[in-house]
């Protein structure tokens, strides 16, 4: 058994949640915040049998695509602000950060 932890953008969380239910994956859903863009994320935690891990990873990959987004740069706090450009910049966002961890023991009460 494995624990799959997937961190996805909030924009993708509804679709991924529907896909997980459609394919009989149980997940715990947590609201989280990313450090780089300080934007809302959703973290899914799924306990998965070893033979279904690859299917789950492909489901996440197919559901959580990358896209371009305009973001306002963070104002520098201290230091040299001479090179600070206060204009929005386009960055690639989306996708998923996924961790697959071995599960040593599992109980359900």
N, C-alpha and C. Protein backbone atom coordinates (compact mmCIF):
# COMPACT_ATOMS: atom_id res chain seq x y z
N UNK A 1 0.85 -1.18 0.00
CA UNK A 1 0.00 0.00 0.00
C UNK A 1 0.89 1.23 0.00
N UNK A 2 0.40 2.28 -0.66
CA UNK A 2 1.12 3.55 -0.74
C UNK A 2 0.20 4.70 -0.31
N UNK A 3 0.83 5.77 0.17
CA UNK A 3 0.13 7.02 0.43
C UNK A 3 0.55 7.97 -0.68
N UNK A 4 -0.43 8.42 -1.47
CA UNK A 4 -0.17 9.37 -2.54
C UNK A 4 -0.64 10.74 -2.07
N UNK A 5 0.26 11.69 -2.04
CA UNK A 5 -0.05 13.06 -1.65
C UNK A 5 0.12 13.92 -2.89
N UNK A 6 -0.97 14.53 -3.35
CA UNK A 6 -0.95 15.35 -4.57
C UNK A 6 -1.35 16.77 -4.23
N UNK A 7 -0.48 17.72 -4.57
CA UNK A 7 -0.75 19.14 -4.34
C UNK A 7 -1.08 19.73 -5.70
N UNK A 8 -2.32 20.24 -5.83
CA UNK A 8 -2.79 20.77 -7.12
C UNK A 8 -3.35 22.17 -6.93
N UNK A 9 -3.46 22.91 -8.03
CA UNK A 9 -4.07 24.24 -7.95
C UNK A 9 -5.55 24.11 -7.66
N UNK A 10 -6.09 25.10 -6.95
CA UNK A 10 -7.52 25.09 -6.64
C UNK A 10 -8.38 24.95 -7.90
N UNK A 11 -7.93 25.54 -9.01
CA UNK A 11 -8.69 25.46 -10.26
C UNK A 11 -8.90 24.02 -10.72
N UNK A 12 -7.97 23.14 -10.41
CA UNK A 12 -8.04 21.75 -10.84
C UNK A 12 -8.67 20.82 -9.81
N UNK A 13 -8.87 21.31 -8.60
CA UNK A 13 -9.28 20.42 -7.51
C UNK A 13 -10.68 19.84 -7.69
N UNK A 14 -11.61 20.61 -8.20
CA UNK A 14 -12.98 20.11 -8.38
C UNK A 14 -13.03 18.97 -9.40
N UNK A 15 -12.35 19.16 -10.51
CA UNK A 15 -12.33 18.13 -11.55
C UNK A 15 -11.62 16.88 -11.04
N UNK A 16 -10.48 17.08 -10.36
CA UNK A 16 -9.75 15.92 -9.84
C UNK A 16 -10.58 15.19 -8.80
N UNK A 17 -11.27 15.91 -7.94
CA UNK A 17 -12.12 15.29 -6.93
C UNK A 17 -13.19 14.42 -7.59
N UNK A 18 -13.82 14.94 -8.64
CA UNK A 18 -14.83 14.17 -9.37
C UNK A 18 -14.23 12.91 -9.99
N UNK A 19 -13.04 13.04 -10.58
CA UNK A 19 -12.38 11.89 -11.22
C UNK A 19 -12.01 10.83 -10.18
N UNK A 20 -11.55 11.27 -9.01
CA UNK A 20 -11.20 10.31 -7.97
C UNK A 20 -12.42 9.51 -7.54
N UNK A 21 -13.55 10.18 -7.34
CA UNK A 21 -14.78 9.49 -6.95
C UNK A 21 -15.25 8.56 -8.07
N UNK A 22 -15.15 9.02 -9.31
CA UNK A 22 -15.59 8.23 -10.46
C UNK A 22 -14.81 6.90 -10.56
N UNK A 23 -13.55 6.91 -10.15
CA UNK A 23 -12.70 5.72 -10.25
C UNK A 23 -12.49 5.05 -8.89
N UNK A 24 -13.36 5.35 -7.93
CA UNK A 24 -13.37 4.70 -6.61
C UNK A 24 -12.08 4.87 -5.80
N UNK A 25 -11.51 6.07 -5.86
CA UNK A 25 -10.40 6.40 -4.98
C UNK A 25 -10.96 7.23 -3.83
N UNK A 26 -10.61 6.87 -2.61
CA UNK A 26 -10.99 7.67 -1.45
C UNK A 26 -9.84 8.62 -1.16
N UNK A 27 -10.20 9.85 -0.83
CA UNK A 27 -9.16 10.86 -0.60
C UNK A 27 -9.58 11.80 0.51
N UNK A 28 -8.60 12.29 1.23
CA UNK A 28 -8.79 13.38 2.17
C UNK A 28 -8.30 14.63 1.47
N UNK A 29 -9.13 15.67 1.49
CA UNK A 29 -8.85 16.91 0.77
C UNK A 29 -8.56 18.02 1.77
N UNK A 30 -7.40 18.68 1.60
CA UNK A 30 -6.99 19.75 2.51
C UNK A 30 -6.79 21.04 1.73
N UNK A 31 -7.21 22.15 2.29
CA UNK A 31 -6.91 23.46 1.70
C UNK A 31 -5.52 23.88 2.15
N UNK A 32 -4.67 24.21 1.17
CA UNK A 32 -3.29 24.59 1.47
C UNK A 32 -2.93 25.85 0.68
N UNK A 33 -1.80 26.44 1.00
CA UNK A 33 -1.35 27.65 0.31
C UNK A 33 0.07 27.44 -0.17
N UNK A 34 0.32 27.77 -1.44
CA UNK A 34 1.65 27.62 -2.00
C UNK A 34 2.56 28.76 -1.57
N UNK A 35 3.83 28.50 -1.52
CA UNK A 35 4.81 29.49 -1.08
C UNK A 35 5.24 30.45 -2.17
N UNK A 36 5.37 29.97 -3.42
CA UNK A 36 5.91 30.81 -4.48
C UNK A 36 4.91 31.89 -4.91
N UNK A 37 3.71 31.50 -5.31
CA UNK A 37 2.71 32.48 -5.75
C UNK A 37 1.77 32.89 -4.63
N UNK A 38 1.90 32.26 -3.48
CA UNK A 38 1.01 32.51 -2.35
C UNK A 38 -0.46 32.37 -2.76
N UNK A 39 -0.70 31.39 -3.61
CA UNK A 39 -2.05 31.14 -4.12
C UNK A 39 -2.61 29.88 -3.46
N UNK A 40 -3.93 29.76 -3.50
CA UNK A 40 -4.58 28.61 -2.90
C UNK A 40 -4.30 27.33 -3.66
N UNK A 41 -4.01 26.29 -2.92
CA UNK A 41 -3.82 24.96 -3.46
C UNK A 41 -4.76 24.01 -2.74
N UNK A 42 -4.88 22.83 -3.29
CA UNK A 42 -5.59 21.76 -2.61
C UNK A 42 -4.66 20.56 -2.55
N UNK A 43 -4.57 19.95 -1.39
CA UNK A 43 -3.75 18.76 -1.22
C UNK A 43 -4.67 17.57 -1.01
N UNK A 44 -4.49 16.56 -1.85
CA UNK A 44 -5.25 15.31 -1.74
C UNK A 44 -4.33 14.25 -1.15
N UNK A 45 -4.84 13.49 -0.18
CA UNK A 45 -4.10 12.36 0.39
C UNK A 45 -4.93 11.10 0.13
N UNK A 46 -4.34 10.15 -0.57
CA UNK A 46 -5.04 8.91 -0.94
C UNK A 46 -4.24 7.70 -0.51
N UNK A 47 -4.85 6.80 0.22
CA UNK A 47 -4.25 5.50 0.48
C UNK A 47 -4.62 4.59 -0.68
N UNK A 48 -3.62 4.01 -1.35
CA UNK A 48 -3.85 3.28 -2.59
C UNK A 48 -3.10 1.95 -2.57
N UNK A 49 -3.75 0.89 -3.04
CA UNK A 49 -3.07 -0.38 -3.21
C UNK A 49 -2.01 -0.23 -4.29
N UNK A 50 -0.94 -0.97 -4.14
CA UNK A 50 0.21 -0.86 -5.05
C UNK A 50 -0.17 -1.00 -6.51
N UNK A 51 -1.11 -1.89 -6.82
CA UNK A 51 -1.46 -2.14 -8.22
C UNK A 51 -2.28 -1.00 -8.86
N UNK A 52 -2.73 -0.02 -8.09
CA UNK A 52 -3.51 1.10 -8.63
C UNK A 52 -2.76 2.43 -8.61
N UNK A 53 -1.52 2.43 -8.14
CA UNK A 53 -0.75 3.67 -8.03
C UNK A 53 -0.53 4.30 -9.39
N UNK A 54 -0.07 3.52 -10.37
CA UNK A 54 0.19 4.08 -11.71
C UNK A 54 -1.07 4.66 -12.34
N UNK A 55 -2.22 3.99 -12.15
CA UNK A 55 -3.47 4.51 -12.68
C UNK A 55 -3.80 5.86 -12.05
N UNK A 56 -3.62 5.96 -10.73
CA UNK A 56 -3.89 7.22 -10.03
C UNK A 56 -2.96 8.33 -10.50
N UNK A 57 -1.68 8.02 -10.65
CA UNK A 57 -0.72 9.03 -11.10
C UNK A 57 -1.07 9.54 -12.49
N UNK A 58 -1.48 8.65 -13.39
CA UNK A 58 -1.90 9.07 -14.74
C UNK A 58 -3.17 9.91 -14.69
N UNK A 59 -4.09 9.58 -13.79
CA UNK A 59 -5.32 10.35 -13.62
C UNK A 59 -5.00 11.77 -13.17
N UNK A 60 -4.09 11.90 -12.22
CA UNK A 60 -3.67 13.23 -11.74
C UNK A 60 -2.99 14.00 -12.87
N UNK A 61 -2.08 13.35 -13.58
CA UNK A 61 -1.35 14.00 -14.67
C UNK A 61 -2.29 14.49 -15.77
N UNK A 62 -3.28 13.68 -16.13
CA UNK A 62 -4.21 14.05 -17.19
C UNK A 62 -5.19 15.14 -16.77
N UNK A 63 -5.46 15.25 -15.48
CA UNK A 63 -6.45 16.21 -14.97
C UNK A 63 -5.84 17.57 -14.65
N UNK A 64 -4.61 17.60 -14.19
CA UNK A 64 -3.99 18.83 -13.69
C UNK A 64 -2.94 19.33 -14.66
N UNK A 65 -3.40 20.08 -15.67
CA UNK A 65 -2.48 20.57 -16.69
C UNK A 65 -1.86 21.90 -16.36
N UNK A 66 -0.78 22.23 -17.07
CA UNK A 66 -0.12 23.53 -16.92
C UNK A 66 -0.82 24.58 -17.76
N UNK A 67 -0.71 25.83 -17.33
CA UNK A 67 -1.27 26.96 -18.09
C UNK A 67 -0.49 28.22 -17.72
N UNK A 68 -0.60 29.22 -18.56
CA UNK A 68 0.06 30.51 -18.29
C UNK A 68 -0.89 31.39 -17.50
N UNK A 69 -0.35 32.16 -16.55
CA UNK A 69 -1.16 33.04 -15.72
C UNK A 69 -0.37 34.31 -15.43
N UNK A 70 -1.05 35.44 -15.44
CA UNK A 70 -0.43 36.71 -15.08
C UNK A 70 -0.49 36.86 -13.56
N UNK A 71 0.66 37.19 -12.96
CA UNK A 71 0.71 37.38 -11.51
C UNK A 71 1.42 38.68 -11.20
N UNK A 72 1.00 39.32 -10.12
CA UNK A 72 1.65 40.54 -9.66
C UNK A 72 2.86 40.14 -8.83
N UNK A 73 4.02 40.71 -9.10
CA UNK A 73 5.19 40.36 -8.31
C UNK A 73 5.05 40.83 -6.87
N UNK A 74 5.71 40.11 -5.98
CA UNK A 74 5.68 40.44 -4.56
C UNK A 74 6.61 41.63 -4.32
N UNK A 75 6.15 42.62 -3.55
CA UNK A 75 6.96 43.78 -3.20
C UNK A 75 8.12 43.35 -2.34
N UNK A 76 9.34 43.78 -2.67
CA UNK A 76 10.48 43.38 -1.86
C UNK A 76 10.38 43.94 -0.44
N UNK A 77 10.76 43.11 0.52
CA UNK A 77 10.73 43.54 1.92
C UNK A 77 12.16 43.75 2.37
N UNK A 78 12.59 44.99 2.33
CA UNK A 78 13.96 45.29 2.70
C UNK A 78 14.88 45.05 1.51
N UNK A 79 16.09 45.34 1.65
CA UNK A 79 17.04 45.12 0.57
C UNK A 79 16.90 46.18 -0.50
N UNK A 80 17.48 45.90 -1.65
CA UNK A 80 17.51 46.86 -2.74
C UNK A 80 16.26 46.75 -3.60
N UNK A 81 15.48 47.81 -3.69
CA UNK A 81 14.27 47.81 -4.50
C UNK A 81 14.51 48.48 -5.85
N UNK A 82 15.77 48.80 -6.19
CA UNK A 82 16.07 49.46 -7.47
C UNK A 82 15.70 48.61 -8.66
N UNK A 83 15.84 47.30 -8.56
CA UNK A 83 15.55 46.43 -9.69
C UNK A 83 14.12 45.89 -9.66
N UNK A 84 13.31 46.35 -8.72
CA UNK A 84 11.93 45.90 -8.60
C UNK A 84 11.09 46.46 -9.73
N UNK A 85 10.39 45.58 -10.44
CA UNK A 85 9.50 45.99 -11.53
C UNK A 85 8.07 45.69 -11.10
N UNK A 86 7.24 46.71 -10.88
CA UNK A 86 5.89 46.49 -10.34
C UNK A 86 4.86 46.08 -11.39
N UNK A 87 5.26 45.44 -12.47
CA UNK A 87 4.33 45.04 -13.52
C UNK A 87 4.03 43.55 -13.40
N UNK A 88 2.80 43.15 -13.73
CA UNK A 88 2.48 41.72 -13.72
C UNK A 88 3.38 40.97 -14.72
N UNK A 89 3.71 39.75 -14.36
CA UNK A 89 4.52 38.90 -15.22
C UNK A 89 3.75 37.61 -15.49
N UNK A 90 4.03 37.00 -16.63
CA UNK A 90 3.36 35.75 -16.98
C UNK A 90 4.23 34.57 -16.51
N UNK A 91 3.63 33.67 -15.76
CA UNK A 91 4.34 32.48 -15.28
C UNK A 91 3.52 31.24 -15.62
N UNK A 92 4.19 30.12 -15.68
CA UNK A 92 3.51 28.85 -15.90
C UNK A 92 3.05 28.30 -14.57
N UNK A 93 1.77 28.00 -14.44
CA UNK A 93 1.20 27.46 -13.21
C UNK A 93 0.46 26.18 -13.53
N UNK A 94 0.02 25.52 -12.51
CA UNK A 94 -0.75 24.30 -12.71
C UNK A 94 0.11 23.07 -12.53
N UNK A 95 -0.38 21.98 -13.06
CA UNK A 95 0.31 20.72 -12.86
C UNK A 95 0.05 20.22 -11.45
N UNK A 96 0.85 19.32 -11.02
CA UNK A 96 0.70 18.76 -9.68
C UNK A 96 2.07 18.39 -9.14
N UNK A 97 2.21 18.52 -7.83
CA UNK A 97 3.38 18.00 -7.14
C UNK A 97 2.89 16.78 -6.38
N UNK A 98 3.48 15.62 -6.67
CA UNK A 98 2.97 14.37 -6.13
C UNK A 98 4.08 13.62 -5.39
N UNK A 99 3.75 13.14 -4.21
CA UNK A 99 4.64 12.32 -3.41
C UNK A 99 3.99 10.94 -3.26
N UNK A 100 4.77 9.89 -3.42
CA UNK A 100 4.29 8.52 -3.21
C UNK A 100 5.14 7.93 -2.09
N UNK A 101 4.47 7.59 -0.99
CA UNK A 101 5.17 7.11 0.20
C UNK A 101 4.71 5.69 0.55
N UNK A 102 5.63 4.85 1.01
CA UNK A 102 5.21 3.51 1.45
C UNK A 102 4.41 3.61 2.76
N UNK A 103 3.42 2.75 2.90
CA UNK A 103 2.62 2.70 4.11
C UNK A 103 2.99 1.41 4.86
N UNK A 104 3.50 1.58 6.06
CA UNK A 104 3.94 0.42 6.83
C UNK A 104 2.76 -0.29 7.48
N UNK A 105 1.77 0.47 7.92
CA UNK A 105 0.64 -0.12 8.64
C UNK A 105 -0.60 0.71 8.36
N UNK A 106 -1.75 0.06 8.28
CA UNK A 106 -3.00 0.74 7.98
C UNK A 106 -4.12 0.14 8.81
N UNK A 107 -4.90 0.98 9.45
CA UNK A 107 -6.10 0.57 10.18
C UNK A 107 -7.25 1.47 9.78
N UNK A 108 -8.45 0.90 9.74
CA UNK A 108 -9.64 1.71 9.52
C UNK A 108 -10.66 1.28 10.57
N UNK A 109 -11.05 2.22 11.41
CA UNK A 109 -11.97 1.91 12.51
C UNK A 109 -13.33 2.45 12.23
